[in-house]
Amino acid sequence: MSTLSIRFPEDLERKLAEEARLAHKGRSELVREAVQEYVLRRERERFIQDMVQEMREWQDDALGREVSGELSDEMPDDDLDALIRTEHDAGVDPNARWWK
């Protein structure tokens, strides 16, 4: 594990120390958890932004609109739930970029 030195304003350091005391954790552990949550959230946000952009491009394409309409007409809601379960059971990564 690498080491990183960070400077905090005094008020933030006091809040961090208090939170560490209440959580019975070290300050470093809390900062590590916070950074990990932040990075994961940003990755998800970028993933969603990429997917939205791809869907916009797909909808701008005549063939994409036609195929999307056909697929939505053909698949009842219960089939979608079954498909999601089947893919999950088969080990399909839900974060994999399937649309590219």
PDB file of N, CA and C in Angstrom:
ATOM      1  N   MET A   1       0.854  -1.160   0.000  1.00  0.00           N
ATOM      2  CA  MET A   1       0.000   0.000   0.000  1.00  0.00           C
ATOM      3  C   MET A   1       0.905   1.230   0.000  1.00  0.00           C
ATOM      4  N   SER A   2       0.570   2.208  -0.819  1.00  0.00           N
ATOM      5  CA  SER A   2       1.389   3.411  -0.887  1.00  0.00           C
ATOM      6  C   SER A   2       0.957   4.423   0.169  1.00  0.00           C
ATOM      7  N   THR A   3       1.815   5.399   0.389  1.00  0.00           N
ATOM      8  CA  THR A   3       1.556   6.442   1.375  1.00  0.00           C
ATOM      9  C   THR A   3       1.319   7.758   0.658  1.00  0.00           C
ATOM     10  N   LEU A   4       0.354   8.526   1.171  1.00  0.00           N
ATOM     11  CA  LEU A   4       0.016   9.822   0.596  1.00  0.00           C
ATOM     12  C   LEU A   4      -0.111  10.816   1.739  1.00  0.00           C
ATOM     13  N   SER A   5       0.513  11.961   1.590  1.00  0.00           N
ATOM     14  CA  SER A   5       0.426  12.994   2.615  1.00  0.00           C
ATOM     15  C   SER A   5      -0.592  14.040   2.165  1.00  0.00           C
ATOM     16  N   ILE A   6      -1.549  14.360   3.043  1.00  0.00           N
ATOM     17  CA  ILE A   6      -2.613  15.309   2.709  1.00  0.00           C
ATOM     18  C   ILE A   6      -2.687  16.367   3.802  1.00  0.00           C
ATOM     19  N   ARG A   7      -2.866  17.621   3.393  1.00  0.00           N
ATOM     20  CA  ARG A   7      -3.050  18.708   4.357  1.00  0.00           C
ATOM     21  C   ARG A   7      -4.529  19.070   4.393  1.00  0.00           C
ATOM     22  N   PHE A   8      -5.084  19.120   5.601  1.00  0.00           N
ATOM     23  CA  PHE A   8      -6.483  19.486   5.803  1.00  0.00           C
ATOM     24  C   PHE A   8      -6.552  20.809   6.559  1.00  0.00           C
ATOM     25  N   PRO A   9      -7.569  21.612   6.280  1.00  0.00           N
ATOM     26  CA  PRO A   9      -7.815  22.760   7.155  1.00  0.00           C
ATOM     27  C   PRO A   9      -8.112  22.237   8.564  1.00  0.00           C
ATOM     28  N   GLU A  10      -7.800  23.029   9.570  1.00  0.00           N
ATOM     29  CA  GLU A  10      -7.944  22.565  10.956  1.00  0.00           C
ATOM     30  C   GLU A  10      -9.364  22.120  11.279  1.00  0.00           C
ATOM     31  N   ASP A  11     -10.359  22.844  10.787  1.00  0.00           N
ATOM     32  CA  ASP A  11     -11.742  22.471  11.108  1.00  0.00           C
ATOM     33  C   ASP A  11     -12.105  21.115  10.510  1.00  0.00           C
ATOM     34  N   LEU A  12     -11.616  20.832   9.301  1.00  0.00           N
ATOM     35  CA  LEU A  12     -11.892  19.538   8.682  1.00  0.00           C
ATOM     36  C   LEU A  12     -11.160  18.425   9.422  1.00  0.00           C
ATOM     37  N   GLU A  13      -9.944  18.700   9.858  1.00  0.00           N
ATOM     38  CA  GLU A  13      -9.186  17.692  10.609  1.00  0.00           C
ATOM     39  C   GLU A  13      -9.892  17.378  11.922  1.00  0.00           C
ATOM     40  N   ARG A  14     -10.451  18.392  12.575  1.00  0.00           N
ATOM     41  CA  ARG A  14     -11.190  18.150  13.826  1.00  0.00           C
ATOM     42  C   ARG A  14     -12.417  17.281  13.561  1.00  0.00           C
ATOM     43  N   LYS A  15     -13.132  17.576  12.482  1.00  0.00           N
ATOM     44  CA  LYS A  15     -14.317  16.781  12.132  1.00  0.00           C
ATOM     45  C   LYS A  15     -13.929  15.343  11.807  1.00  0.00           C
ATOM     46  N   LEU A  16     -12.815  15.184  11.090  1.00  0.00           N
ATOM     47  CA  LEU A  16     -12.332  13.844  10.753  1.00  0.00           C
ATOM     48  C   LEU A  16     -11.951  13.080  12.020  1.00  0.00           C
ATOM     49  N   ALA A  17     -11.252  13.738  12.921  1.00  0.00           N
ATOM     50  CA  ALA A  17     -10.850  13.085  14.173  1.00  0.00           C
ATOM     51  C   ALA A  17     -12.079  12.670  14.981  1.00  0.00           C
ATOM     52  N   GLU A  18     -13.093  13.532  15.023  1.00  0.00           N
ATOM     53  CA  GLU A  18     -14.314  13.201  15.764  1.00  0.00           C
ATOM     54  C   GLU A  18     -15.034  12.025  15.117  1.00  0.00           C
ATOM     55  N   GLU A  19     -15.127  12.032  13.805  1.00  0.00           N
ATOM     56  CA  GLU A  19     -15.787  10.923  13.100  1.00  0.00           C
ATOM     57  C   GLU A  19     -15.023   9.620  13.320  1.00  0.00           C
ATOM     58  N   ALA A  20     -13.698   9.689  13.283  1.00  0.00           N
ATOM     59  CA  ALA A  20     -12.881   8.492  13.531  1.00  0.00           C
ATOM     60  C   ALA A  20     -13.146   7.951  14.937  1.00  0.00           C
ATOM     61  N   ARG A  21     -13.246   8.861  15.909  1.00  0.00           N
ATOM     62  CA  ARG A  21     -13.514   8.439  17.288  1.00  0.00           C
ATOM     63  C   ARG A  21     -14.882   7.760  17.384  1.00  0.00           C
ATOM     64  N   LEU A  22     -15.896   8.373  16.763  1.00  0.00           N
ATOM     65  CA  LEU A  22     -17.249   7.817  16.822  1.00  0.00           C
ATOM     66  C   LEU A  22     -17.353   6.473  16.097  1.00  0.00           C
ATOM     67  N   ALA A  23     -16.595   6.328  15.013  1.00  0.00           N
ATOM     68  CA  ALA A  23     -16.650   5.101  14.212  1.00  0.00           C
ATOM     69  C   ALA A  23     -15.685   4.027  14.718  1.00  0.00           C
ATOM     70  N   HIS A  24     -14.865   4.391  15.711  1.00  0.00           N
ATOM     71  CA  HIS A  24     -13.849   3.465  16.229  1.00  0.00           C
ATOM     72  C   HIS A  24     -12.926   3.002  15.101  1.00  0.00           C
ATOM     73  N   LYS A  25     -12.519   3.964  14.291  1.00  0.00           N
ATOM     74  CA  LYS A  25     -11.606   3.688  13.178  1.00  0.00           C
ATOM     75  C   LYS A  25     -10.516   4.750  13.180  1.00  0.00           C
ATOM     76  N   GLY A  26      -9.443   4.433  12.481  1.00  0.00           N
ATOM     77  CA  GLY A  26      -8.387   5.417  12.323  1.00  0.00           C
ATOM     78  C   GLY A  26      -8.750   6.450  11.262  1.00  0.00           C
ATOM     79  N   ARG A  27      -8.122   7.627  11.366  1.00  0.00           N
ATOM     80  CA  ARG A  27      -8.386   8.671  10.369  1.00  0.00           C
ATOM     81  C   ARG A  27      -8.012   8.203   8.968  1.00  0.00           C
ATOM     82  N   SER A  28      -6.896   7.517   8.862  1.00  0.00           N
ATOM     83  CA  SER A  28      -6.462   7.035   7.544  1.00  0.00           C
ATOM     84  C   SER A  28      -7.488   6.096   6.931  1.00  0.00           C
ATOM     85  N   GLU A  29      -8.050   5.224   7.770  1.00  0.00           N
ATOM     86  CA  GLU A  29      -9.059   4.290   7.269  1.00  0.00           C
ATOM     87  C   GLU A  29     -10.290   5.043   6.756  1.00  0.00           C
ATOM     88  N   LEU A  30     -10.733   6.052   7.502  1.00  0.00           N
ATOM     89  CA  LEU A  30     -11.886   6.839   7.058  1.00  0.00           C
ATOM     90  C   LEU A  30     -11.601   7.566   5.749  1.00  0.00           C
ATOM     91  N   VAL A  31     -10.417   8.143   5.640  1.00  0.00           N
ATOM     92  CA  VAL A  31     -10.058   8.853   4.405  1.00  0.00           C
ATOM     93  C   VAL A  31      -9.987   7.870   3.249  1.00  0.00           C
ATOM     94  N   ARG A  32      -9.393   6.700   3.483  1.00  0.00           N
ATOM     95  CA  ARG A  32      -9.326   5.667   2.438  1.00  0.00           C
ATOM     96  C   ARG A  32     -10.722   5.290   1.969  1.00  0.00           C
ATOM     97  N   GLU A  33     -11.642   5.049   2.914  1.00  0.00           N
ATOM     98  CA  GLU A  33     -13.020   4.689   2.558  1.00  0.00           C
ATOM     99  C   GLU A  33     -13.700   5.808   1.769  1.00  0.00           C
ATOM    100  N   ALA A  34     -13.494   7.048   2.205  1.00  0.00           N
ATOM    101  CA  ALA A  34     -14.122   8.186   1.522  1.00  0.00           C
ATOM    102  C   ALA A  34     -13.599   8.335   0.099  1.00  0.00           C
ATOM    103  N   VAL A  35     -12.295   8.191  -0.075  1.00  0.00           N
ATOM    104  CA  VAL A  35     -11.715   8.310  -1.418  1.00  0.00           C
ATOM    105  C   VAL A  35     -12.194   7.167  -2.295  1.00  0.00           C
ATOM    106  N   GLN A  36     -12.253   5.962  -1.745  1.00  0.00           N
ATOM    107  CA  GLN A  36     -12.733   4.818  -2.517  1.00  0.00           C
ATOM    108  C   GLN A  36     -14.178   5.031  -2.964  1.00  0.00           C
ATOM    109  N   GLU A  37     -15.033   5.492  -2.066  1.00  0.00           N
ATOM    110  CA  GLU A  37     -16.428   5.767  -2.426  1.00  0.00           C
ATOM    111  C   GLU A  37     -16.512   6.838  -3.505  1.00  0.00           C
ATOM    112  N   TYR A  38     -15.696   7.881  -3.379  1.00  0.00           N
ATOM    113  CA  TYR A  38     -15.692   8.965  -4.363  1.00  0.00           C
ATOM    114  C   TYR A  38     -15.276   8.450  -5.738  1.00  0.00           C
ATOM    115  N   VAL A  39     -14.191   7.691  -5.775  1.00  0.00           N
ATOM    116  CA  VAL A  39     -13.691   7.175  -7.054  1.00  0.00           C
ATOM    117  C   VAL A  39     -14.722   6.250  -7.698  1.00  0.00           C
ATOM    118  N   LEU A  40     -15.324   5.358  -6.926  1.00  0.00           N
ATOM    119  CA  LEU A  40     -16.351   4.466  -7.474  1.00  0.00           C
ATOM    120  C   LEU A  40     -17.550   5.249  -8.000  1.00  0.00           C
ATOM    121  N   ARG A  41     -17.965   6.280  -7.255  1.00  0.00           N
ATOM    122  CA  ARG A  41     -19.092   7.106  -7.704  1.00  0.00           C
ATOM    123  C   ARG A  41     -18.766   7.806  -9.022  1.00  0.00           C
ATOM    124  N   ARG A  42     -17.556   8.350  -9.130  1.00  0.00           N
ATOM    125  CA  ARG A  42     -17.151   9.035 -10.368  1.00  0.00           C
ATOM    126  C   ARG A  42     -17.079   8.046 -11.538  1.00  0.00           C
ATOM    127  N   GLU A  43     -16.575   6.828 -11.287  1.00  0.00           N
ATOM    128  CA  GLU A  43     -16.540   5.813 -12.347  1.00  0.00           C
ATOM    129  C   GLU A  43     -17.945   5.486 -12.822  1.00  0.00           C
ATOM    130  N   ARG A  44     -18.889   5.313 -11.882  1.00  0.00           N
ATOM    131  CA  ARG A  44     -20.283   5.035 -12.250  1.00  0.00           C
ATOM    132  C   ARG A  44     -20.881   6.193 -13.033  1.00  0.00           C
ATOM    133  N   GLU A  45     -20.603   7.418 -12.604  1.00  0.00           N
ATOM    134  CA  GLU A  45     -21.126   8.591 -13.308  1.00  0.00           C
ATOM    135  C   GLU A  45     -20.620   8.632 -14.745  1.00  0.00           C
ATOM    136  N   ARG A  46     -19.324   8.368 -14.931  1.00  0.00           N
ATOM    137  CA  ARG A  46     -18.765   8.355 -16.296  1.00  0.00           C
ATOM    138  C   ARG A  46     -19.374   7.226 -17.120  1.00  0.00           C
ATOM    139  N   PHE A  47     -19.544   6.072 -16.508  1.00  0.00           N
ATOM    140  CA  PHE A  47     -20.149   4.930 -17.187  1.00  0.00           C
ATOM    141  C   PHE A  47     -21.552   5.296 -17.670  1.00  0.00           C
ATOM    142  N   ILE A  48     -22.341   5.901 -16.798  1.00  0.00           N
ATOM    143  CA  ILE A  48     -23.708   6.290 -17.163  1.00  0.00           C
ATOM    144  C   ILE A  48     -23.686   7.363 -18.238  1.00  0.00           C
ATOM    145  N   GLN A  49     -22.796   8.341 -18.122  1.00  0.00           N
ATOM    146  CA  GLN A  49     -22.692   9.382 -19.148  1.00  0.00           C
ATOM    147  C   GLN A  49     -22.347   8.769 -20.502  1.00  0.00           C
ATOM    148  N   ASP A  50     -21.413   7.830 -20.519  1.00  0.00           N
ATOM    149  CA  ASP A  50     -21.049   7.156 -21.771  1.00  0.00           C
ATOM    150  C   ASP A  50     -22.243   6.408 -22.350  1.00  0.00           C
ATOM    151  N   MET A  51     -22.987   5.715 -21.491  1.00  0.00           N
ATOM    152  CA  MET A  51     -24.135   4.955 -21.962  1.00  0.00           C
ATOM    153  C   MET A  51     -25.212   5.893 -22.512  1.00  0.00           C
ATOM    154  N   VAL A  52     -25.460   6.993 -21.818  1.00  0.00           N
ATOM    155  CA  VAL A  52     -26.455   7.960 -22.295  1.00  0.00           C
ATOM    156  C   VAL A  52     -26.041   8.511 -23.651  1.00  0.00           C
ATOM    157  N   GLN A  53     -24.771   8.843 -23.803  1.00  0.00           N
ATOM    158  CA  GLN A  53     -24.287   9.361 -25.085  1.00  0.00           C
ATOM    159  C   GLN A  53     -24.455   8.328 -26.197  1.00  0.00           C
ATOM    160  N   GLU A  54     -24.115   7.077 -25.906  1.00  0.00           N
ATOM    161  CA  GLU A  54     -24.281   6.022 -26.908  1.00  0.00           C
ATOM    162  C   GLU A  54     -25.754   5.845 -27.276  1.00  0.00           C
ATOM    163  N   MET A  55     -26.632   5.907 -26.284  1.00  0.00           N
ATOM    164  CA  MET A  55     -28.063   5.758 -26.561  1.00  0.00           C
ATOM    165  C   MET A  55     -28.588   6.927 -27.381  1.00  0.00           C
ATOM    166  N   ARG A  56     -28.094   8.137 -27.105  1.00  0.00           N
ATOM    167  CA  ARG A  56     -28.505   9.298 -27.911  1.00  0.00           C
ATOM    168  C   ARG A  56     -28.081   9.114 -29.362  1.00  0.00           C
ATOM    169  N   GLU A  57     -26.855   8.665 -29.543  1.00  0.00           N
ATOM    170  CA  GLU A  57     -26.371   8.428 -30.907  1.00  0.00           C
ATOM    171  C   GLU A  57     -27.185   7.319 -31.575  1.00  0.00           C
ATOM    172  N   TRP A  58     -27.505   6.282 -30.810  1.00  0.00           N
ATOM    173  CA  TRP A  58     -28.297   5.162 -31.330  1.00  0.00           C
ATOM    174  C   TRP A  58     -29.680   5.649 -31.746  1.00  0.00           C
ATOM    175  N   GLN A  59     -30.289   6.516 -30.920  1.00  0.00           N
ATOM    176  CA  GLN A  59     -31.624   7.028 -31.225  1.00  0.00           C
ATOM    177  C   GLN A  59     -31.606   8.020 -32.389  1.00  0.00           C
ATOM    178  N   ASP A  60     -30.474   8.655 -32.631  1.00  0.00           N
ATOM    179  CA  ASP A  60     -30.361   9.561 -33.777  1.00  0.00           C
ATOM    180  C   ASP A  60     -30.259   8.787 -35.088  1.00  0.00           C
ATOM    181  N   ASP A  61     -29.925   7.517 -34.992  1.00  0.00           N
ATOM    182  CA  ASP A  61     -29.762   6.660 -36.158  1.00  0.00           C
ATOM    183  C   ASP A  61     -31.108   6.004 -36.479  1.00  0.00           C
ATOM    184  N   ALA A  62     -31.534   6.072 -37.741  1.00  0.00           N
ATOM    185  CA  ALA A  62     -32.841   5.521 -38.138  1.00  0.00           C
ATOM    186  C   ALA A  62     -32.929   4.028 -37.827  1.00  0.00           C
ATOM    187  N   LEU A  63     -31.892   3.270 -38.161  1.00  0.00           N
ATOM    188  CA  LEU A  63     -31.902   1.834 -37.884  1.00  0.00           C
ATOM    189  C   LEU A  63     -31.977   1.590 -36.375  1.00  0.00           C
ATOM    190  N   GLY A  64     -31.251   2.386 -35.601  1.00  0.00           N
ATOM    191  CA  GLY A  64     -31.283   2.242 -34.149  1.00  0.00           C
ATOM    192  C   GLY A  64     -32.676   2.457 -33.593  1.00  0.00           C
ATOM    193  N   ARG A  65     -33.373   3.476 -34.085  1.00  0.00           N
ATOM    194  CA  ARG A  65     -34.746   3.726 -33.630  1.00  0.00           C
ATOM    195  C   ARG A  65     -35.656   2.566 -34.000  1.00  0.00           C
ATOM    196  N   GLU A  66     -35.484   2.056 -35.209  1.00  0.00           N
ATOM    197  CA  GLU A  66     -36.335   0.946 -35.664  1.00  0.00           C
ATOM    198  C   GLU A  66     -36.105  -0.299 -34.809  1.00  0.00           C
ATOM    199  N   VAL A  67     -34.843  -0.656 -34.617  1.00  0.00           N
ATOM    200  CA  VAL A  67     -34.514  -1.852 -33.837  1.00  0.00           C
ATOM    201  C   VAL A  67     -34.964  -1.685 -32.384  1.00  0.00           C
ATOM    202  N   SER A  68     -34.755  -0.499 -31.803  1.00  0.00           N
ATOM    203  CA  SER A  68     -35.188  -0.254 -30.423  1.00  0.00           C
ATOM    204  C   SER A  68     -36.688  -0.444 -30.279  1.00  0.00           C
ATOM    205  N   GLY A  69     -37.430   0.085 -31.223  1.00  0.00           N
ATOM    206  CA  GLY A  69     -38.885  -0.065 -31.178  1.00  0.00           C
ATOM    207  C   GLY A  69     -39.304  -1.513 -31.283  1.00  0.00           C
ATOM    208  N   GLU A  70     -38.669  -2.252 -32.184  1.00  0.00           N
ATOM    209  CA  GLU A  70     -39.006  -3.668 -32.349  1.00  0.00           C
ATOM    210  C   GLU A  70     -38.690  -4.453 -31.080  1.00  0.00           C
ATOM    211  N   LEU A  71     -37.535  -4.186 -30.501  1.00  0.00           N
ATOM    212  CA  LEU A  71     -37.146  -4.911 -29.289  1.00  0.00           C
ATOM    213  C   LEU A  71     -38.087  -4.616 -28.132  1.00  0.00           C
ATOM    214  N   SER A  72     -38.447  -3.353 -27.967  1.00  0.00           N
ATOM    215  CA  SER A  72     -39.330  -3.030 -26.845  1.00  0.00           C
ATOM    216  C   SER A  72     -40.725  -3.605 -27.051  1.00  0.00           C
ATOM    217  N   ASP A  73     -41.170  -3.707 -28.298  1.00  0.00           N
ATOM    218  CA  ASP A  73     -42.481  -4.294 -28.568  1.00  0.00           C
ATOM    219  C   ASP A  73     -42.488  -5.799 -28.329  1.00  0.00           C
ATOM    220  N   GLU A  74     -41.347  -6.450 -28.587  1.00  0.00           N
ATOM    221  CA  GLU A  74     -41.267  -7.908 -28.511  1.00  0.00           C
ATOM    222  C   GLU A  74     -41.057  -8.434 -27.095  1.00  0.00           C
ATOM    223  N   MET A  75     -40.547  -7.618 -26.185  1.00  0.00           N
ATOM    224  CA  MET A  75     -40.137  -8.139 -24.888  1.00  0.00           C
ATOM    225  C   MET A  75     -41.040  -7.628 -23.768  1.00  0.00           C
ATOM    226  N   PRO A  76     -41.883  -8.487 -23.229  1.00  0.00           N
ATOM    227  CA  PRO A  76     -42.676  -8.094 -22.061  1.00  0.00           C
ATOM    228  C   PRO A  76     -41.770  -7.882 -20.848  1.00  0.00           C
ATOM    229  N   ASP A  77     -42.249  -7.164 -19.859  1.00  0.00           N
ATOM    230  CA  ASP A  77     -41.445  -6.847 -18.680  1.00  0.00           C
ATOM    231  C   ASP A  77     -40.927  -8.087 -17.964  1.00  0.00           C
ATOM    232  N   ASP A  78     -41.741  -9.145 -17.861  1.00  0.00           N
ATOM    233  CA  ASP A  78     -41.286 -10.335 -17.144  1.00  0.00           C
ATOM    234  C   ASP A  78     -40.135 -11.021 -17.873  1.00  0.00           C
ATOM    235  N   ASP A  79     -40.078 -10.894 -19.203  1.00  0.00           N
ATOM    236  CA  ASP A  79     -38.953 -11.450 -19.948  1.00  0.00           C
ATOM    237  C   ASP A  79     -37.658 -10.710 -19.618  1.00  0.00           C
ATOM    238  N   LEU A  80     -37.748  -9.407 -19.396  1.00  0.00           N
ATOM    239  CA  LEU A  80     -36.565  -8.630 -19.042  1.00  0.00           C
ATOM    240  C   LEU A  80     -36.006  -9.088 -17.698  1.00  0.00           C
ATOM    241  N   ASP A  81     -36.873  -9.291 -16.724  1.00  0.00           N
ATOM    242  CA  ASP A  81     -36.416  -9.780 -15.422  1.00  0.00           C
ATOM    243  C   ASP A  81     -35.748 -11.147 -15.552  1.00  0.00           C
ATOM    244  N   ALA A  82     -36.321 -12.015 -16.359  1.00  0.00           N
ATOM    245  CA  ALA A  82     -35.742 -13.348 -16.570  1.00  0.00           C
ATOM    246  C   ALA A  82     -34.379 -13.234 -17.248  1.00  0.00           C
ATOM    247  N   LEU A  83     -34.266 -12.332 -18.218  1.00  0.00           N
ATOM    248  CA  LEU A  83     -32.994 -12.133 -18.918  1.00  0.00           C
ATOM    249  C   LEU A  83     -31.924 -11.632 -17.952  1.00  0.00           C
ATOM    250  N   ILE A  84     -32.284 -10.689 -17.109  1.00  0.00           N
ATOM    251  CA  ILE A  84     -31.327 -10.157 -16.137  1.00  0.00           C
ATOM    252  C   ILE A  84     -30.854 -11.262 -15.200  1.00  0.00           C
ATOM    253  N   ARG A  85     -31.764 -12.085 -14.703  1.00  0.00           N
ATOM    254  CA  ARG A  85     -31.378 -13.195 -13.816  1.00  0.00           C
ATOM    255  C   ARG A  85     -30.479 -14.194 -14.542  1.00  0.00           C
ATOM    256  N   THR A  86     -30.831 -14.526 -15.787  1.00  0.00           N
ATOM    257  CA  THR A  86     -30.045 -15.486 -16.561  1.00  0.00           C
ATOM    258  C   THR A  86     -28.629 -14.969 -16.791  1.00  0.00           C
ATOM    259  N   GLU A  87     -28.515 -13.694 -17.178  1.00  0.00           N
ATOM    260  CA  GLU A  87     -27.187 -13.122 -17.403  1.00  0.00           C
ATOM    261  C   GLU A  87     -26.383 -13.085 -16.110  1.00  0.00           C
ATOM    262  N   HIS A  88     -27.017 -12.719 -15.018  1.00  0.00           N
ATOM    263  CA  HIS A  88     -26.328 -12.682 -13.729  1.00  0.00           C
ATOM    264  C   HIS A  88     -25.821 -14.074 -13.360  1.00  0.00           C
ATOM    265  N   ASP A  89     -26.678 -15.081 -13.510  1.00  0.00           N
ATOM    266  CA  ASP A  89     -26.295 -16.461 -13.190  1.00  0.00           C
ATOM    267  C   ASP A  89     -25.175 -16.969 -14.090  1.00  0.00           C
ATOM    268  N   ALA A  90     -25.095 -16.434 -15.312  1.00  0.00           N
ATOM    269  CA  ALA A  90     -24.055 -16.848 -16.253  1.00  0.00           C
ATOM    270  C   ALA A  90     -22.748 -16.097 -16.028  1.00  0.00           C
ATOM    271  N   GLY A  91     -22.743 -15.188 -15.041  1.00  0.00           N
ATOM    272  CA  GLY A  91     -21.515 -14.466 -14.729  1.00  0.00           C
ATOM    273  C   GLY A  91     -21.282 -13.230 -15.571  1.00  0.00           C
ATOM    274  N   VAL A  92     -22.329 -12.708 -16.195  1.00  0.00           N
ATOM    275  CA  VAL A  92     -22.181 -11.495 -16.997  1.00  0.00           C
ATOM    276  C   VAL A  92     -21.923 -10.319 -16.065  1.00  0.00           C
ATOM    277  N   ASP A  93     -20.881  -9.566 -16.365  1.00  0.00           N
ATOM    278  CA  ASP A  93     -20.521  -8.401 -15.563  1.00  0.00           C
ATOM    279  C   ASP A  93     -21.481  -7.256 -15.871  1.00  0.00           C
ATOM    280  N   PRO A  94     -22.248  -6.782 -14.882  1.00  0.00           N
ATOM    281  CA  PRO A  94     -23.214  -5.715 -15.148  1.00  0.00           C
ATOM    282  C   PRO A  94     -22.553  -4.391 -15.495  1.00  0.00           C
ATOM    283  N   ASN A  95     -21.259  -4.253 -15.202  1.00  0.00           N
ATOM    284  CA  ASN A  95     -20.554  -3.015 -15.514  1.00  0.00           C
ATOM    285  C   ASN A  95     -19.846  -3.061 -16.863  1.00  0.00           C
ATOM    286  N   ALA A  96     -19.890  -4.215 -17.528  1.00  0.00           N
ATOM    287  CA  ALA A  96     -19.227  -4.335 -18.829  1.00  0.00           C
ATOM    288  C   ALA A  96     -19.952  -3.480 -19.858  1.00  0.00           C
ATOM    289  N   ARG A  97     -19.199  -2.839 -20.697  1.00  0.00           N
ATOM    290  CA  ARG A  97     -19.778  -1.978 -21.726  1.00  0.00           C
ATOM    291  C   ARG A  97     -20.229  -2.832 -22.899  1.00  0.00           C
ATOM    292  N   TRP A  98     -21.461  -3.262 -22.825  1.00  0.00           N
ATOM    293  CA  TRP A  98     -22.026  -4.160 -23.828  1.00  0.00           C
ATOM    294  C   TRP A  98     -22.439  -3.423 -25.083  1.00  0.00           C
ATOM    295  N   TRP A  99     -22.600  -2.134 -25.029  1.00  0.00           N
ATOM    296  CA  TRP A  99     -23.150  -1.402 -26.171  1.00  0.00           C
ATOM    297  C   TRP A  99     -22.102  -0.942 -27.149  1.00  0.00           C
ATOM    298  N   LYS A 100     -20.830  -1.220 -26.900  1.00  0.00           N
ATOM    299  CA  LYS A 100     -19.778  -0.803 -27.837  1.00  0.00           C
ATOM    300  C   LYS A 100     -19.181  -2.001 -28.515  1.00  0.00           C
TER     301      LYS A 100
END
